[in-house]
Amino acid sequence: MHRFLVVIEKANNNYSAYSPDLPGCVATGSTREEAEKNIYEAIEMHVQGLLEDNLPIPESESFAEYVAIAEKPSTGSEIV
C-alpha cells in the first residue's frame, strides 16, 4: 500500500488538489468532496501509469502540520 499526502485548496470558484510527492498529479472539483474524489482517481491513474512504465513509485516524504499563532497580546492602552 502506498500513502500520499494530499493538499486541497479553496480557489476562486472551485477547489484544487495535489500531492507534493507526485509532481504534476492534480485535480479540481466544484466542491471539496469532488476535488477529493478526483485527486484519489488521479493518484490511482498516476501510480498505475508508473507501474505500466516500470518506473518506481515515489516514497511519500511530505507531511503537514498546522501552526498556531497567538493573537497580538493586549498592551493595555486600547480605548474601549
PDB file of N, CA and C in Angstrom:
ATOM      1  N   MET A   1       0.847  -1.184   0.000  1.00  0.00           N
ATOM      2  CA  MET A   1       0.000   0.000   0.000  1.00  0.00           C
ATOM      3  C   MET A   1       0.885   1.238   0.000  1.00  0.00           C
ATOM      4  N   HIS A   2       0.476   2.219  -0.757  1.00  0.00           N
ATOM      5  CA  HIS A   2       1.180   3.497  -0.818  1.00  0.00           C
ATOM      6  C   HIS A   2       0.266   4.576  -0.253  1.00  0.00           C
ATOM      7  N   ARG A   3       0.860   5.494   0.469  1.00  0.00           N
ATOM      8  CA  ARG A   3       0.110   6.622   1.032  1.00  0.00           C
ATOM      9  C   ARG A   3       0.756   7.909   0.568  1.00  0.00           C
ATOM     10  N   PHE A   4      -0.076   8.872   0.162  1.00  0.00           N
ATOM     11  CA  PHE A   4       0.427  10.156  -0.310  1.00  0.00           C
ATOM     12  C   PHE A   4      -0.337  11.285   0.365  1.00  0.00           C
ATOM     13  N   LEU A   5       0.392  12.285   0.798  1.00  0.00           N
ATOM     14  CA  LEU A   5      -0.232  13.488   1.335  1.00  0.00           C
ATOM     15  C   LEU A   5      -0.967  14.195   0.200  1.00  0.00           C
ATOM     16  N   VAL A   6      -2.171  14.661   0.481  1.00  0.00           N
ATOM     17  CA  VAL A   6      -2.958  15.414  -0.492  1.00  0.00           C
ATOM     18  C   VAL A   6      -3.281  16.767   0.120  1.00  0.00           C
ATOM     19  N   VAL A   7      -3.087  17.823  -0.653  1.00  0.00           N
ATOM     20  CA  VAL A   7      -3.423  19.182  -0.237  1.00  0.00           C
ATOM     21  C   VAL A   7      -4.623  19.630  -1.067  1.00  0.00           C
ATOM     22  N   ILE A   8      -5.668  20.068  -0.379  1.00  0.00           N
ATOM     23  CA  ILE A   8      -6.855  20.579  -1.058  1.00  0.00           C
ATOM     24  C   ILE A   8      -6.982  22.047  -0.691  1.00  0.00           C
ATOM     25  N   GLU A   9      -7.088  22.883  -1.722  1.00  0.00           N
ATOM     26  CA  GLU A   9      -7.156  24.330  -1.504  1.00  0.00           C
ATOM     27  C   GLU A   9      -8.420  24.897  -2.128  1.00  0.00           C
ATOM     28  N   LYS A  10      -8.987  25.882  -1.456  1.00  0.00           N
ATOM     29  CA  LYS A  10     -10.128  26.608  -1.997  1.00  0.00           C
ATOM     30  C   LYS A  10      -9.603  27.605  -3.010  1.00  0.00           C
ATOM     31  N   ALA A  11     -10.131  27.551  -4.224  1.00  0.00           N
ATOM     32  CA  ALA A  11      -9.771  28.513  -5.257  1.00  0.00           C
ATOM     33  C   ALA A  11     -10.927  29.502  -5.389  1.00  0.00           C
ATOM     34  N   ASN A  12     -10.936  30.300  -6.429  1.00  0.00           N
ATOM     35  CA  ASN A  12     -11.993  31.297  -6.590  1.00  0.00           C
ATOM     36  C   ASN A  12     -13.382  30.675  -6.598  1.00  0.00           C
ATOM     37  N   ASN A  13     -13.631  29.786  -7.548  1.00  0.00           N
ATOM     38  CA  ASN A  13     -14.964  29.203  -7.687  1.00  0.00           C
ATOM     39  C   ASN A  13     -14.974  27.687  -7.580  1.00  0.00           C
ATOM     40  N   ASN A  14     -13.863  27.095  -7.151  1.00  0.00           N
ATOM     41  CA  ASN A  14     -13.804  25.647  -7.026  1.00  0.00           C
ATOM     42  C   ASN A  14     -12.721  25.263  -6.027  1.00  0.00           C
ATOM     43  N   TYR A  15     -12.364  24.005  -6.025  1.00  0.00           N
ATOM     44  CA  TYR A  15     -11.298  23.502  -5.166  1.00  0.00           C
ATOM     45  C   TYR A  15     -10.250  22.836  -6.051  1.00  0.00           C
ATOM     46  N   SER A  16      -9.003  22.924  -5.644  1.00  0.00           N
ATOM     47  CA  SER A  16      -7.932  22.233  -6.355  1.00  0.00           C
ATOM     48  C   SER A  16      -7.210  21.333  -5.365  1.00  0.00           C
ATOM     49  N   ALA A  17      -6.637  20.267  -5.896  1.00  0.00           N
ATOM     50  CA  ALA A  17      -5.948  19.301  -5.038  1.00  0.00           C
ATOM     51  C   ALA A  17      -4.680  18.830  -5.740  1.00  0.00           C
ATOM     52  N   TYR A  18      -3.667  18.522  -4.927  1.00  0.00           N
ATOM     53  CA  TYR A  18      -2.423  17.986  -5.475  1.00  0.00           C
ATOM     54  C   TYR A  18      -1.714  17.195  -4.399  1.00  0.00           C
ATOM     55  N   SER A  19      -0.748  16.403  -4.832  1.00  0.00           N
ATOM     56  CA  SER A  19       0.095  15.661  -3.900  1.00  0.00           C
ATOM     57  C   SER A  19       1.531  16.119  -4.105  1.00  0.00           C
ATOM     58  N   PRO A  20       2.173  16.646  -3.068  1.00  0.00           N
ATOM     59  CA  PRO A  20       3.551  17.125  -3.212  1.00  0.00           C
ATOM     60  C   PRO A  20       4.537  16.036  -3.650  1.00  0.00           C
ATOM     61  N   ASP A  21       4.215  14.775  -3.361  1.00  0.00           N
ATOM     62  CA  ASP A  21       5.116  13.681  -3.712  1.00  0.00           C
ATOM     63  C   ASP A  21       4.916  13.162  -5.129  1.00  0.00           C
ATOM     64  N   LEU A  22       3.886  13.666  -5.816  1.00  0.00           N
ATOM     65  CA  LEU A  22       3.606  13.241  -7.186  1.00  0.00           C
ATOM     66  C   LEU A  22       3.485  14.477  -8.077  1.00  0.00           C
ATOM     67  N   PRO A  23       4.599  15.089  -8.440  1.00  0.00           N
ATOM     68  CA  PRO A  23       4.557  16.310  -9.242  1.00  0.00           C
ATOM     69  C   PRO A  23       3.721  16.119 -10.511  1.00  0.00           C
ATOM     70  N   GLY A  24       2.864  17.091 -10.780  1.00  0.00           N
ATOM     71  CA  GLY A  24       2.026  17.052 -11.961  1.00  0.00           C
ATOM     72  C   GLY A  24       0.716  16.326 -11.770  1.00  0.00           C
ATOM     73  N   CYS A  25       0.544  15.669 -10.645  1.00  0.00           N
ATOM     74  CA  CYS A  25      -0.700  14.947 -10.366  1.00  0.00           C
ATOM     75  C   CYS A  25      -1.630  15.905  -9.624  1.00  0.00           C
ATOM     76  N   VAL A  26      -2.597  16.441 -10.350  1.00  0.00           N
ATOM     77  CA  VAL A  26      -3.503  17.452  -9.795  1.00  0.00           C
ATOM     78  C   VAL A  26      -4.940  17.118 -10.166  1.00  0.00           C
ATOM     79  N   ALA A  27      -5.870  17.733  -9.454  1.00  0.00           N
ATOM     80  CA  ALA A  27      -7.288  17.557  -9.756  1.00  0.00           C
ATOM     81  C   ALA A  27      -8.039  18.779  -9.251  1.00  0.00           C
ATOM     82  N   THR A  28      -9.246  18.950  -9.764  1.00  0.00           N
ATOM     83  CA  THR A  28     -10.110  20.030  -9.301  1.00  0.00           C
ATOM     84  C   THR A  28     -11.506  19.474  -9.065  1.00  0.00           C
ATOM     85  N   GLY A  29     -12.343  20.286  -8.445  1.00  0.00           N
ATOM     86  CA  GLY A  29     -13.735  19.921  -8.249  1.00  0.00           C
ATOM     87  C   GLY A  29     -14.529  21.131  -7.818  1.00  0.00           C
ATOM     88  N   SER A  30     -15.817  21.100  -8.061  1.00  0.00           N
ATOM     89  CA  SER A  30     -16.644  22.239  -7.672  1.00  0.00           C
ATOM     90  C   SER A  30     -16.908  22.255  -6.167  1.00  0.00           C
ATOM     91  N   THR A  31     -16.689  21.121  -5.500  1.00  0.00           N
ATOM     92  CA  THR A  31     -16.793  21.045  -4.042  1.00  0.00           C
ATOM     93  C   THR A  31     -15.531  20.375  -3.509  1.00  0.00           C
ATOM     94  N   ARG A  32     -15.328  20.490  -2.217  1.00  0.00           N
ATOM     95  CA  ARG A  32     -14.168  19.835  -1.605  1.00  0.00           C
ATOM     96  C   ARG A  32     -14.255  18.329  -1.797  1.00  0.00           C
ATOM     97  N   GLU A  33     -15.454  17.781  -1.625  1.00  0.00           N
ATOM     98  CA  GLU A  33     -15.648  16.348  -1.766  1.00  0.00           C
ATOM     99  C   GLU A  33     -15.342  15.873  -3.183  1.00  0.00           C
ATOM    100  N   GLU A  34     -15.754  16.672  -4.174  1.00  0.00           N
ATOM    101  CA  GLU A  34     -15.481  16.312  -5.562  1.00  0.00           C
ATOM    102  C   GLU A  34     -13.989  16.374  -5.859  1.00  0.00           C
ATOM    103  N   ALA A  35     -13.314  17.393  -5.350  1.00  0.00           N
ATOM    104  CA  ALA A  35     -11.863  17.503  -5.544  1.00  0.00           C
ATOM    105  C   ALA A  35     -11.151  16.326  -4.887  1.00  0.00           C
ATOM    106  N   GLU A  36     -11.613  15.922  -3.713  1.00  0.00           N
ATOM    107  CA  GLU A  36     -11.011  14.791  -3.003  1.00  0.00           C
ATOM    108  C   GLU A  36     -11.195  13.500  -3.804  1.00  0.00           C
ATOM    109  N   LYS A  37     -12.381  13.286  -4.330  1.00  0.00           N
ATOM    110  CA  LYS A  37     -12.659  12.104  -5.150  1.00  0.00           C
ATOM    111  C   LYS A  37     -11.797  12.128  -6.406  1.00  0.00           C
ATOM    112  N   ASN A  38     -11.695  13.296  -7.035  1.00  0.00           N
ATOM    113  CA  ASN A  38     -10.935  13.409  -8.280  1.00  0.00           C
ATOM    114  C   ASN A  38      -9.445  13.213  -8.070  1.00  0.00           C
ATOM    115  N   ILE A  39      -8.886  13.706  -6.950  1.00  0.00           N
ATOM    116  CA  ILE A  39      -7.453  13.514  -6.726  1.00  0.00           C
ATOM    117  C   ILE A  39      -7.161  12.054  -6.404  1.00  0.00           C
ATOM    118  N   TYR A  40      -8.084  11.392  -5.726  1.00  0.00           N
ATOM    119  CA  TYR A  40      -7.902   9.966  -5.455  1.00  0.00           C
ATOM    120  C   TYR A  40      -7.801   9.203  -6.779  1.00  0.00           C
ATOM    121  N   GLU A  41      -8.723   9.507  -7.697  1.00  0.00           N
ATOM    122  CA  GLU A  41      -8.703   8.848  -9.005  1.00  0.00           C
ATOM    123  C   GLU A  41      -7.450   9.223  -9.789  1.00  0.00           C
ATOM    124  N   ALA A  42      -7.029  10.478  -9.696  1.00  0.00           N
ATOM    125  CA  ALA A  42      -5.824  10.923 -10.405  1.00  0.00           C
ATOM    126  C   ALA A  42      -4.585  10.213  -9.872  1.00  0.00           C
ATOM    127  N   ILE A  43      -4.510  10.041  -8.553  1.00  0.00           N
ATOM    128  CA  ILE A  43      -3.360   9.340  -7.966  1.00  0.00           C
ATOM    129  C   ILE A  43      -3.358   7.880  -8.387  1.00  0.00           C
ATOM    130  N   GLU A  44      -4.526   7.248  -8.371  1.00  0.00           N
ATOM    131  CA  GLU A  44      -4.608   5.854  -8.830  1.00  0.00           C
ATOM    132  C   GLU A  44      -4.095   5.727 -10.264  1.00  0.00           C
ATOM    133  N   MET A  45      -4.547   6.630 -11.137  1.00  0.00           N
ATOM    134  CA  MET A  45      -4.128   6.592 -12.540  1.00  0.00           C
ATOM    135  C   MET A  45      -2.629   6.872 -12.673  1.00  0.00           C
ATOM    136  N   HIS A  46      -2.138   7.816 -11.899  1.00  0.00           N
ATOM    137  CA  HIS A  46      -0.718   8.178 -11.942  1.00  0.00           C
ATOM    138  C   HIS A  46       0.146   6.982 -11.543  1.00  0.00           C
ATOM    139  N   VAL A  47      -0.208   6.343 -10.428  1.00  0.00           N
ATOM    140  CA  VAL A  47       0.564   5.193  -9.944  1.00  0.00           C
ATOM    141  C   VAL A  47       0.472   4.039 -10.942  1.00  0.00           C
ATOM    142  N   GLN A  48      -0.715   3.805 -11.500  1.00  0.00           N
ATOM    143  CA  GLN A  48      -0.866   2.740 -12.496  1.00  0.00           C
ATOM    144  C   GLN A  48       0.030   3.005 -13.701  1.00  0.00           C
ATOM    145  N   GLY A  49       0.108   4.258 -14.131  1.00  0.00           N
ATOM    146  CA  GLY A  49       0.986   4.607 -15.246  1.00  0.00           C
ATOM    147  C   GLY A  49       2.453   4.351 -14.929  1.00  0.00           C
ATOM    148  N   LEU A  50       2.851   4.680 -13.706  1.00  0.00           N
ATOM    149  CA  LEU A  50       4.238   4.406 -13.300  1.00  0.00           C
ATOM    150  C   LEU A  50       4.525   2.912 -13.341  1.00  0.00           C
ATOM    151  N   LEU A  51       3.583   2.110 -12.835  1.00  0.00           N
ATOM    152  CA  LEU A  51       3.764   0.657 -12.837  1.00  0.00           C
ATOM    153  C   LEU A  51       3.853   0.124 -14.270  1.00  0.00           C
ATOM    154  N   GLU A  52       2.985   0.596 -15.140  1.00  0.00           N
ATOM    155  CA  GLU A  52       2.981   0.141 -16.532  1.00  0.00           C
ATOM    156  C   GLU A  52       4.275   0.507 -17.248  1.00  0.00           C
ATOM    157  N   ASP A  53       4.862   1.636 -16.870  1.00  0.00           N
ATOM    158  CA  ASP A  53       6.117   2.079 -17.479  1.00  0.00           C
ATOM    159  C   ASP A  53       7.349   1.558 -16.735  1.00  0.00           C
ATOM    160  N   ASN A  54       7.127   0.669 -15.787  1.00  0.00           N
ATOM    161  CA  ASN A  54       8.219   0.098 -14.969  1.00  0.00           C
ATOM    162  C   ASN A  54       9.053   1.176 -14.284  1.00  0.00           C
ATOM    163  N   LEU A  55       8.389   2.225 -13.826  1.00  0.00           N
ATOM    164  CA  LEU A  55       9.064   3.301 -13.107  1.00  0.00           C
ATOM    165  C   LEU A  55       8.784   3.151 -11.615  1.00  0.00           C
ATOM    166  N   PRO A  56       9.703   3.617 -10.789  1.00  0.00           N
ATOM    167  CA  PRO A  56       9.488   3.486  -9.343  1.00  0.00           C
ATOM    168  C   PRO A  56       8.358   4.393  -8.857  1.00  0.00           C
ATOM    169  N   ILE A  57       7.646   3.911  -7.868  1.00  0.00           N
ATOM    170  CA  ILE A  57       6.615   4.720  -7.231  1.00  0.00           C
ATOM    171  C   ILE A  57       7.303   5.504  -6.118  1.00  0.00           C
ATOM    172  N   PRO A  58       7.192   6.834  -6.134  1.00  0.00           N
ATOM    173  CA  PRO A  58       7.902   7.641  -5.130  1.00  0.00           C
ATOM    174  C   PRO A  58       7.450   7.304  -3.709  1.00  0.00           C
ATOM    175  N   GLU A  59       8.393   7.330  -2.811  1.00  0.00           N
ATOM    176  CA  GLU A  59       8.062   7.203  -1.394  1.00  0.00           C
ATOM    177  C   GLU A  59       7.504   8.535  -0.925  1.00  0.00           C
ATOM    178  N   SER A  60       6.505   8.484  -0.106  1.00  0.00           N
ATOM    179  CA  SER A  60       5.936   9.715   0.423  1.00  0.00           C
ATOM    180  C   SER A  60       6.879  10.290   1.477  1.00  0.00           C
ATOM    181  N   GLU A  61       7.330  11.507   1.240  1.00  0.00           N
ATOM    182  CA  GLU A  61       8.228  12.174   2.182  1.00  0.00           C
ATOM    183  C   GLU A  61       7.613  13.448   2.735  1.00  0.00           C
ATOM    184  N   SER A  62       6.417  13.774   2.268  1.00  0.00           N
ATOM    185  CA  SER A  62       5.756  15.008   2.699  1.00  0.00           C
ATOM    186  C   SER A  62       4.960  14.774   3.974  1.00  0.00           C
ATOM    187  N   PHE A  63       4.766  15.844   4.710  1.00  0.00           N
ATOM    188  CA  PHE A  63       3.904  15.804   5.886  1.00  0.00           C
ATOM    189  C   PHE A  63       3.282  17.184   6.026  1.00  0.00           C
ATOM    190  N   ALA A  64       2.235  17.254   6.796  1.00  0.00           N
ATOM    191  CA  ALA A  64       1.552  18.529   7.005  1.00  0.00           C
ATOM    192  C   ALA A  64       1.326  18.724   8.490  1.00  0.00           C
ATOM    193  N   GLU A  65       1.292  19.969   8.873  1.00  0.00           N
ATOM    194  CA  GLU A  65       1.080  20.302  10.270  1.00  0.00           C
ATOM    195  C   GLU A  65       0.515  21.708  10.340  1.00  0.00           C
ATOM    196  N   TYR A  66      -0.414  21.910  11.235  1.00  0.00           N
ATOM    197  CA  TYR A  66      -0.919  23.258  11.460  1.00  0.00           C
ATOM    198  C   TYR A  66       0.010  23.972  12.427  1.00  0.00           C
ATOM    199  N   VAL A  67       0.163  25.261  12.246  1.00  0.00           N
ATOM    200  CA  VAL A  67       0.945  26.088  13.151  1.00  0.00           C
ATOM    201  C   VAL A  67      -0.007  27.108  13.750  1.00  0.00           C
ATOM    202  N   ALA A  68      -0.088  27.154  15.064  1.00  0.00           N
ATOM    203  CA  ALA A  68      -0.970  28.095  15.749  1.00  0.00           C
ATOM    204  C   ALA A  68      -0.163  29.314  16.184  1.00  0.00           C
ATOM    205  N   ILE A  69      -0.654  30.473  15.842  1.00  0.00           N
ATOM    206  CA  ILE A  69      -0.020  31.740  16.207  1.00  0.00           C
ATOM    207  C   ILE A  69      -0.997  32.494  17.096  1.00  0.00           C
ATOM    208  N   ALA A  70      -0.520  32.908  18.255  1.00  0.00           N
ATOM    209  CA  ALA A  70      -1.380  33.639  19.181  1.00  0.00           C
ATOM    210  C   ALA A  70      -1.729  35.001  18.607  1.00  0.00           C
ATOM    211  N   GLU A  71      -2.922  35.456  18.941  1.00  0.00           N
ATOM    212  CA  GLU A  71      -3.313  36.799  18.532  1.00  0.00           C
ATOM    213  C   GLU A  71      -2.432  37.796  19.264  1.00  0.00           C
ATOM    214  N   LYS A  72      -2.322  38.981  18.703  1.00  0.00           N
ATOM    215  CA  LYS A  72      -1.488  40.003  19.298  1.00  0.00           C
ATOM    216  C   LYS A  72      -1.967  40.271  20.728  1.00  0.00           C
ATOM    217  N   PRO A  73      -1.077  40.182  21.685  1.00  0.00           N
ATOM    218  CA  PRO A  73      -1.484  40.419  23.072  1.00  0.00           C
ATOM    219  C   PRO A  73      -1.869  41.882  23.294  1.00  0.00           C
ATOM    220  N   SER A  74      -2.765  42.089  24.203  1.00  0.00           N
ATOM    221  CA  SER A  74      -3.221  43.445  24.551  1.00  0.00           C
ATOM    222  C   SER A  74      -2.099  44.200  25.222  1.00  0.00           C
ATOM    223  N   THR A  75      -1.957  45.487  24.868  1.00  0.00           N
ATOM    224  CA  THR A  75      -0.922  46.317  25.508  1.00  0.00           C
ATOM    225  C   THR A  75      -1.496  47.094  26.688  1.00  0.00           C
ATOM    226  N   GLY A  76      -2.817  47.010  26.838  1.00  0.00           N
ATOM    227  CA  GLY A  76      -3.451  47.734  27.945  1.00  0.00           C
ATOM    228  C   GLY A  76      -3.744  49.170  27.641  1.00  0.00           C
ATOM    229  N   SER A  77      -3.342  49.675  26.459  1.00  0.00           N
ATOM    230  CA  SER A  77      -3.554  51.076  26.135  1.00  0.00           C
ATOM    231  C   SER A  77      -4.701  51.305  25.151  1.00  0.00           C
ATOM    232  N   GLU A  78      -5.430  50.217  24.811  1.00  0.00           N
ATOM    233  CA  GLU A  78      -6.532  50.369  23.886  1.00  0.00           C
ATOM    234  C   GLU A  78      -7.709  51.084  24.567  1.00  0.00           C
ATOM    235  N   ILE A  79      -8.414  51.906  23.811  1.00  0.00           N
ATOM    236  CA  ILE A  79      -9.606  52.571  24.312  1.00  0.00           C
ATOM    237  C   ILE A  79     -10.788  51.655  24.039  1.00  0.00           C
ATOM    238  N   VAL A  80     -11.581  51.400  25.088  1.00  0.00           N
ATOM    239  CA  VAL A  80     -12.728  50.517  24.951  1.00  0.00           C
ATOM    240  C   VAL A  80     -13.994  51.295  24.910  1.00  0.00           C
TER     241      VAL A  80
END
